Amino acid sequence: MSIIEVRHLKTLTALRETGSLVEAAERVHLTQSALSHQLKDLEEKLGCPLFIRKTKPVRFTSAGLRLLQLADDVLLSFRSAQRDIQRFAEGESGRLHIAIECHSCYEWLMPTIDHFREHWPDVELDLSTAFSFMPLPALARGDLDLVVTSDPQDLPNIEYIPLFQYESQVALSRHHALAKKDYLLPEDFINETLITYPVESERLDIFKHFLMPASVSPAKVRHSELTLMMMQLVASGRGVCCLPNWALTEYTNRQYVITKSLGEEGIWCKLYLAIRKDQRDNAYMEDLITTASKTCFKNLRGILSPDL
């Protein structure tokens, strides 16, 4: 009998993704004691340690990293086989209409959709932005099947699956008067033109979590549907904008703009996939959720686990 089992690979993967024994135990539905015993038993059988104790996040040894490589290969094959079997059992056709609430989501969503189309060619897939309508009520009515949102609402039969945490940051011209500040305060926006996507203020992180609680409004709000246009306006000193940190990485790396946190601690939000609860066990929906989560952490910089 092989020393290494699938449960060991799942445990190590959970430990890598969560960074702690406590959260990893919750992820694989074990007590911390049971998980520690499982890992200790495996290490004894292998004759070497797999990770360094009392480090946070957990640091893996060379042996542990090699097992994680094996886990990535094996678990991917397991999921692929399970998906194929479910397709045989349940049929391969269906509908998946998606709405997203920001253009910056395309950076990780498009690779996810490419993977989905490859494995589920007979599922009717449609993608739209949610600027011109309220997507969550449409999801509840059945007009949509999935919504990418950072603004969950308490609606019947709707489940919110957290993808990751991100920091909402402000982009400034490198020559802006606020560029020397360590972080920004609500009153710093009183004389500023704030450039946003064409969405109601109440649905934007900077208003909902930062300006509105302080009863502050910017001097002017200007709308743009294109992130690139927003960056051009900011770089030329015609305003400032607030976007998820991952969406600004490309422009800060090119020194096109600089970024500042909102407040000393920053404003951290979560991005969710919203689905109807009765769709949760659908094979292709489950596959999309799993793929989206992995694609986010592969493609985006500066995001954190939603469980941290």
Protein backbone atom coordinates (compact mmCIF):
# COMPACT_ATOMS: atom_id res chain seq x y z
CA MET A 1 0.00 0.00 0.00
CA SER A 2 1.29 3.45 -0.90
CA ILE A 3 2.45 5.65 1.96
CA ILE A 4 1.05 8.78 0.29
CA GLU A 5 -2.73 8.98 0.00
CA VAL A 6 -5.07 11.49 -1.63
CA ARG A 7 -6.13 12.76 1.81
CA HIS A 8 -2.50 13.67 2.53
CA LEU A 9 -2.30 15.68 -0.67
CA LYS A 10 -5.54 17.50 0.13
CA THR A 11 -4.25 18.30 3.63
CA LEU A 12 -0.97 19.73 2.33
CA THR A 13 -2.79 21.79 -0.28
CA ALA A 14 -5.14 23.18 2.38
CA LEU A 15 -2.13 24.01 4.57
CA ARG A 16 -0.49 25.91 1.70
CA GLU A 17 -3.66 27.84 0.84
CA THR A 18 -4.58 28.82 4.42
CA GLY A 19 -1.13 29.18 5.93
CA SER A 20 -2.04 27.68 9.31
CA LEU A 21 -2.89 24.31 10.87
CA VAL A 22 -6.09 25.64 12.41
CA GLU A 23 -7.57 26.92 9.15
CA ALA A 24 -6.29 23.93 7.19
CA ALA A 25 -8.06 21.60 9.62
CA GLU A 26 -11.32 23.48 9.07
CA ARG A 27 -10.82 23.31 5.30
CA VAL A 28 -10.52 19.49 5.28
CA HIS A 29 -13.14 19.00 8.02
CA LEU A 30 -10.78 17.65 10.70
CA THR A 31 -9.89 18.74 14.20
CA GLN A 32 -6.52 20.40 14.56
CA SER A 33 -5.36 17.43 16.63
CA ALA A 34 -6.41 14.93 13.95
CA LEU A 35 -4.72 16.95 11.22
CA SER A 36 -1.48 17.27 13.21
CA HIS A 37 -1.51 13.52 13.87
CA GLN A 38 -2.06 12.79 10.18
CA LEU A 39 0.88 14.96 9.15
CA LYS A 40 3.16 13.60 11.87
CA ASP A 41 2.33 10.04 10.87
CA LEU A 42 3.08 10.81 7.22
CA GLU A 43 6.40 12.45 8.11
CA GLU A 44 7.41 9.43 10.19
CA LYS A 45 6.62 7.07 7.33
CA LEU A 46 8.50 9.23 4.83
CA GLY A 47 11.41 9.77 7.20
CA CYS A 48 11.61 13.54 6.84
CA PRO A 49 9.73 16.71 7.84
CA LEU A 50 7.37 18.31 5.33
CA PHE A 51 7.12 21.80 6.82
CA ILE A 52 8.72 23.95 9.47
CA ARG A 53 6.67 24.24 12.64
CA LYS A 54 5.76 27.55 14.25
CA THR A 55 6.11 29.59 11.05
CA LYS A 56 3.30 31.78 9.71
CA PRO A 57 2.55 31.46 6.93
CA VAL A 58 3.73 27.87 6.93
CA ARG A 59 7.12 27.25 5.28
CA PHE A 60 7.51 23.92 3.52
CA THR A 61 10.69 21.86 3.31
CA SER A 62 12.02 20.59 -0.01
CA ALA A 63 10.17 17.33 0.58
CA GLY A 64 6.98 19.21 1.33
CA LEU A 65 7.29 21.31 -1.82
CA ARG A 66 7.79 18.15 -3.89
CA LEU A 67 4.62 16.65 -2.42
CA LEU A 68 2.76 19.86 -3.21
CA GLN A 69 3.85 19.51 -6.84
CA LEU A 70 2.45 15.99 -6.79
CA ALA A 71 -0.75 17.27 -5.18
CA ASP A 72 -1.27 19.87 -7.89
CA ASP A 73 -0.92 17.23 -10.60
CA VAL A 74 -2.91 14.45 -8.93
CA LEU A 75 -5.77 16.54 -7.57
CA LEU A 76 -6.17 18.28 -10.91
CA SER A 77 -6.50 14.86 -12.57
CA PHE A 78 -8.99 13.75 -9.91
CA ARG A 79 -11.14 16.84 -10.46
CA SER A 80 -10.98 16.38 -14.22
CA ALA A 81 -12.05 12.73 -13.95
CA GLN A 82 -14.83 13.62 -11.51
CA ARG A 83 -16.03 16.37 -13.82
CA ASP A 84 -16.09 14.03 -16.79
CA ILE A 85 -17.99 11.37 -14.87
CA GLN A 86 -20.52 13.95 -13.70
CA ARG A 87 -20.95 15.09 -17.27
CA PHE A 88 -21.66 11.51 -18.32
CA ALA A 89 -24.17 11.13 -15.49
CA GLU A 90 -25.91 14.48 -15.70
CA GLY A 91 -25.53 15.49 -19.32
CA GLU A 92 -23.32 18.21 -20.70
CA SER A 93 -25.78 20.89 -21.77
CA GLY A 94 -27.10 23.83 -19.80
CA ARG A 95 -27.04 27.62 -19.45
CA LEU A 96 -24.65 29.93 -17.64
CA HIS A 97 -25.41 33.64 -17.88
CA ILE A 98 -22.87 35.74 -15.96
CA ALA A 99 -22.86 39.42 -14.97
CA ILE A 100 -19.86 41.28 -13.55
CA GLU A 101 -19.83 44.57 -11.68
CA CYS A 102 -16.41 45.87 -12.77
CA HIS A 103 -14.29 45.78 -15.92
CA SER A 104 -11.16 44.99 -13.90
CA CYS A 105 -12.50 41.47 -13.30
CA TYR A 106 -11.72 40.54 -16.89
CA GLU A 107 -8.05 39.92 -16.05
CA TRP A 108 -8.90 36.70 -14.20
CA LEU A 109 -12.39 35.99 -15.49
CA MET A 110 -11.46 35.57 -19.15
CA PRO A 111 -8.91 32.76 -18.49
CA THR A 112 -11.57 31.11 -16.33
CA ILE A 113 -14.12 31.31 -19.12
CA ASP A 114 -11.60 29.99 -21.66
CA HIS A 115 -11.07 26.93 -19.46
CA PHE A 116 -14.81 26.54 -18.99
CA ARG A 117 -15.61 26.67 -22.71
CA GLU A 118 -12.95 24.04 -23.38
CA HIS A 119 -14.47 21.57 -20.91
CA TRP A 120 -18.17 22.44 -21.27
CA PRO A 121 -18.65 23.26 -24.97
CA ASP A 122 -22.38 22.53 -24.92
CA VAL A 123 -23.20 24.93 -22.08
CA GLU A 124 -24.68 28.18 -23.39
CA LEU A 125 -22.47 30.90 -21.86
CA ASP A 126 -23.21 34.62 -21.92
CA LEU A 127 -21.26 37.44 -20.22
CA SER A 128 -22.35 41.01 -19.59
CA THR A 129 -21.43 43.97 -17.40
CA ALA A 130 -23.83 45.00 -14.67
CA PHE A 131 -23.55 48.76 -15.03
CA SER A 132 -27.02 49.34 -16.47
CA PHE A 133 -29.12 47.13 -14.17
CA MET A 134 -29.25 45.57 -10.71
CA PRO A 135 -27.74 42.10 -11.21
CA LEU A 136 -28.52 40.43 -7.88
CA PRO A 137 -32.32 40.76 -8.13
CA ALA A 138 -31.97 39.48 -11.71
CA LEU A 139 -30.07 36.49 -10.34
CA ALA A 140 -32.81 35.82 -7.80
CA ARG A 141 -35.44 35.97 -10.56
CA GLY A 142 -33.53 33.46 -12.67
CA ASP A 143 -32.56 35.91 -15.42
CA LEU A 144 -28.89 35.35 -14.52
CA ASP A 145 -27.02 32.31 -13.21
CA LEU A 146 -23.94 33.89 -11.62
CA VAL A 147 -22.91 37.40 -10.55
CA VAL A 148 -19.39 38.59 -9.69
CA THR A 149 -19.88 41.14 -6.93
CA SER A 150 -18.26 42.85 -3.95
CA ASP A 151 -21.63 44.08 -2.69
CA PRO A 152 -23.65 41.11 -1.34
CA GLN A 153 -27.32 41.63 -0.55
CA ASP A 154 -29.56 39.54 1.67
CA LEU A 155 -31.78 37.88 -0.93
CA PRO A 156 -33.67 34.58 -0.65
CA ASN A 157 -32.05 31.52 -2.26
CA ILE A 158 -28.81 33.40 -3.03
CA GLU A 159 -25.45 32.06 -1.85
CA TYR A 160 -22.25 34.11 -1.82
CA ILE A 161 -18.99 32.24 -2.35
CA PRO A 162 -15.97 34.37 -1.34
CA LEU A 163 -13.12 34.36 -3.85
CA PHE A 164 -10.49 36.61 -2.26
CA GLN A 165 -9.82 39.82 -0.37
CA TYR A 166 -8.44 42.89 -2.11
CA GLU A 167 -7.47 46.41 -1.08
CA SER A 168 -9.25 49.35 -2.67
CA GLN A 169 -6.50 51.83 -3.51
CA VAL A 170 -6.45 55.31 -4.98
CA ALA A 171 -4.44 56.02 -8.13
CA LEU A 172 -2.78 59.42 -8.33
CA SER A 173 -0.58 61.25 -10.80
CA ARG A 174 3.05 61.03 -9.73
CA HIS A 175 3.01 64.84 -9.52
CA HIS A 176 -0.23 65.14 -7.54
CA ALA A 177 -0.26 67.29 -4.41
CA LEU A 178 -1.31 64.26 -2.36
CA ALA A 179 1.52 62.06 -3.67
CA LYS A 180 3.73 62.73 -0.64
CA LYS A 181 1.15 61.54 1.89
CA ASP A 182 1.55 58.08 3.43
CA TYR A 183 -2.19 57.43 3.11
CA LEU A 184 -5.32 59.41 2.32
CA LEU A 185 -8.11 60.65 4.55
CA PRO A 186 -11.72 61.40 3.55
CA GLU A 187 -11.16 65.16 3.66
CA ASP A 188 -8.40 64.82 1.04
CA PHE A 189 -11.13 64.26 -1.57
CA ILE A 190 -13.10 67.46 -0.93
CA ASN A 191 -11.37 69.32 -3.77
CA GLU A 192 -10.79 66.30 -6.04
CA THR A 193 -12.39 64.99 -9.21
CA LEU A 194 -13.09 61.31 -8.58
CA ILE A 195 -13.16 59.16 -11.71
CA THR A 196 -15.33 56.05 -11.41
CA TYR A 197 -17.07 53.41 -13.47
CA PRO A 198 -20.68 54.41 -14.32
CA VAL A 199 -22.15 52.81 -11.20
CA GLU A 200 -24.28 54.23 -8.40
CA SER A 201 -22.06 55.71 -5.68
CA GLU A 202 -23.58 53.39 -3.08
CA ARG A 203 -22.13 50.38 -4.92
CA LEU A 204 -18.55 51.71 -5.03
CA ASP A 205 -16.09 50.76 -2.28
CA ILE A 206 -14.63 54.24 -1.83
CA PHE A 207 -18.05 55.78 -1.23
CA LYS A 208 -19.59 52.92 0.75
CA HIS A 209 -16.67 52.22 3.10
CA PHE A 210 -14.75 55.50 3.20
CA LEU A 211 -16.42 58.73 2.08
CA MET A 212 -20.05 58.18 3.09
CA PRO A 213 -19.25 57.17 6.70
CA ALA A 214 -17.29 60.43 6.99
CA SER A 215 -20.07 62.46 5.27
CA VAL A 216 -17.60 63.64 2.63
CA SER A 217 -18.21 64.12 -1.09
CA PRO A 218 -15.61 64.80 -3.79
CA ALA A 219 -15.78 68.10 -5.65
CA LYS A 220 -16.77 66.28 -8.85
CA VAL A 221 -17.46 62.75 -10.08
CA ARG A 222 -16.50 61.80 -13.63
CA HIS A 223 -17.45 58.48 -15.25
CA SER A 224 -15.50 56.20 -17.56
CA GLU A 225 -16.20 52.61 -18.62
CA LEU A 226 -12.58 51.90 -19.58
CA THR A 227 -9.85 51.33 -17.01
CA LEU A 228 -7.19 52.50 -19.48
CA MET A 229 -9.01 55.80 -20.00
CA MET A 230 -9.27 56.25 -16.24
CA MET A 231 -5.51 55.76 -15.93
CA GLN A 232 -4.84 58.28 -18.72
CA LEU A 233 -6.99 60.88 -16.99
CA VAL A 234 -5.27 60.23 -13.66
CA ALA A 235 -1.77 60.32 -15.14
CA SER A 236 -2.52 63.66 -16.81
CA GLY A 237 -3.69 65.15 -13.50
CA ARG A 238 -7.38 65.40 -14.38
CA GLY A 239 -8.59 63.46 -11.37
CA VAL A 240 -8.03 60.47 -9.13
CA CYS A 241 -9.65 57.05 -9.15
CA CYS A 242 -10.14 54.13 -6.80
CA LEU A 243 -9.73 50.54 -8.02
CA PRO A 244 -8.84 47.12 -6.62
CA ASN A 245 -5.12 46.83 -5.97
CA TRP A 246 -4.68 44.02 -8.52
CA ALA A 247 -6.18 46.20 -11.28
CA LEU A 248 -3.56 48.89 -10.64
CA THR A 249 -0.47 46.65 -10.64
CA GLU A 250 0.16 46.98 -14.38
CA TYR A 251 0.10 50.78 -14.23
CA THR A 252 2.22 51.14 -11.09
CA ASN A 253 4.82 48.74 -12.48
CA ARG A 254 5.15 51.06 -15.49
CA GLN A 255 5.32 54.07 -13.13
CA TYR A 256 2.29 55.44 -14.93
CA VAL A 257 0.58 56.30 -11.62
CA ILE A 258 1.20 55.85 -7.91
CA THR A 259 -1.20 54.38 -5.37
CA LYS A 260 -2.26 55.28 -1.84
CA SER A 261 -4.28 53.41 0.77
CA LEU A 262 -7.58 54.73 2.09
CA GLY A 263 -6.84 55.41 5.72
CA GLU A 264 -3.93 54.13 7.78
CA GLU A 265 -5.18 50.50 7.75
CA GLY A 266 -6.49 50.57 4.18
CA ILE A 267 -9.93 49.47 3.00
CA TRP A 268 -10.09 45.71 2.37
CA CYS A 269 -13.09 44.15 0.65
CA LYS A 270 -14.10 40.71 -0.58
CA LEU A 271 -15.09 39.62 -4.04
CA TYR A 272 -17.82 36.99 -4.28
CA LEU A 273 -19.45 34.70 -6.77
CA ALA A 274 -23.20 34.92 -6.21
CA ILE A 275 -25.31 31.96 -7.32
CA ARG A 276 -28.72 30.53 -6.57
CA LYS A 277 -28.55 27.85 -3.88
CA ASP A 278 -30.40 25.37 -6.06
CA GLN A 279 -27.56 25.64 -8.62
CA ARG A 280 -24.76 24.90 -6.13
CA ASP A 281 -24.49 21.18 -6.90
CA ASN A 282 -24.62 21.62 -10.65
CA ALA A 283 -21.51 19.95 -12.13
CA TYR A 284 -20.49 22.76 -14.48
CA MET A 285 -21.24 25.43 -11.89
CA GLU A 286 -19.01 23.67 -9.37
CA ASP A 287 -16.28 23.41 -12.00
CA LEU A 288 -16.49 27.12 -12.78
CA ILE A 289 -16.27 28.06 -9.08
CA THR A 290 -13.20 25.87 -8.54
CA THR A 291 -11.49 27.14 -11.68
CA ALA A 292 -12.23 30.79 -10.84
CA SER A 293 -10.69 30.49 -7.39
CA LYS A 294 -7.49 28.93 -8.70
CA THR A 295 -7.22 31.36 -11.62
CA CYS A 296 -7.52 34.40 -9.33
CA PHE A 297 -4.55 33.41 -7.18
CA LYS A 298 -2.53 32.44 -10.24
CA ASN A 299 -3.06 35.70 -12.14
CA LEU A 300 -3.57 38.47 -9.57
CA ARG A 301 -1.07 40.15 -7.26
CA GLY A 302 -1.84 41.60 -3.84
CA ILE A 303 -4.95 39.56 -3.08
CA LEU A 304 -5.47 37.53 0.09
CA SER A 305 -7.41 34.42 1.01
CA PRO A 306 -11.03 35.28 1.88
CA ASP A 307 -10.60 33.35 5.16
CA LEU A 308 -7.79 35.54 6.55
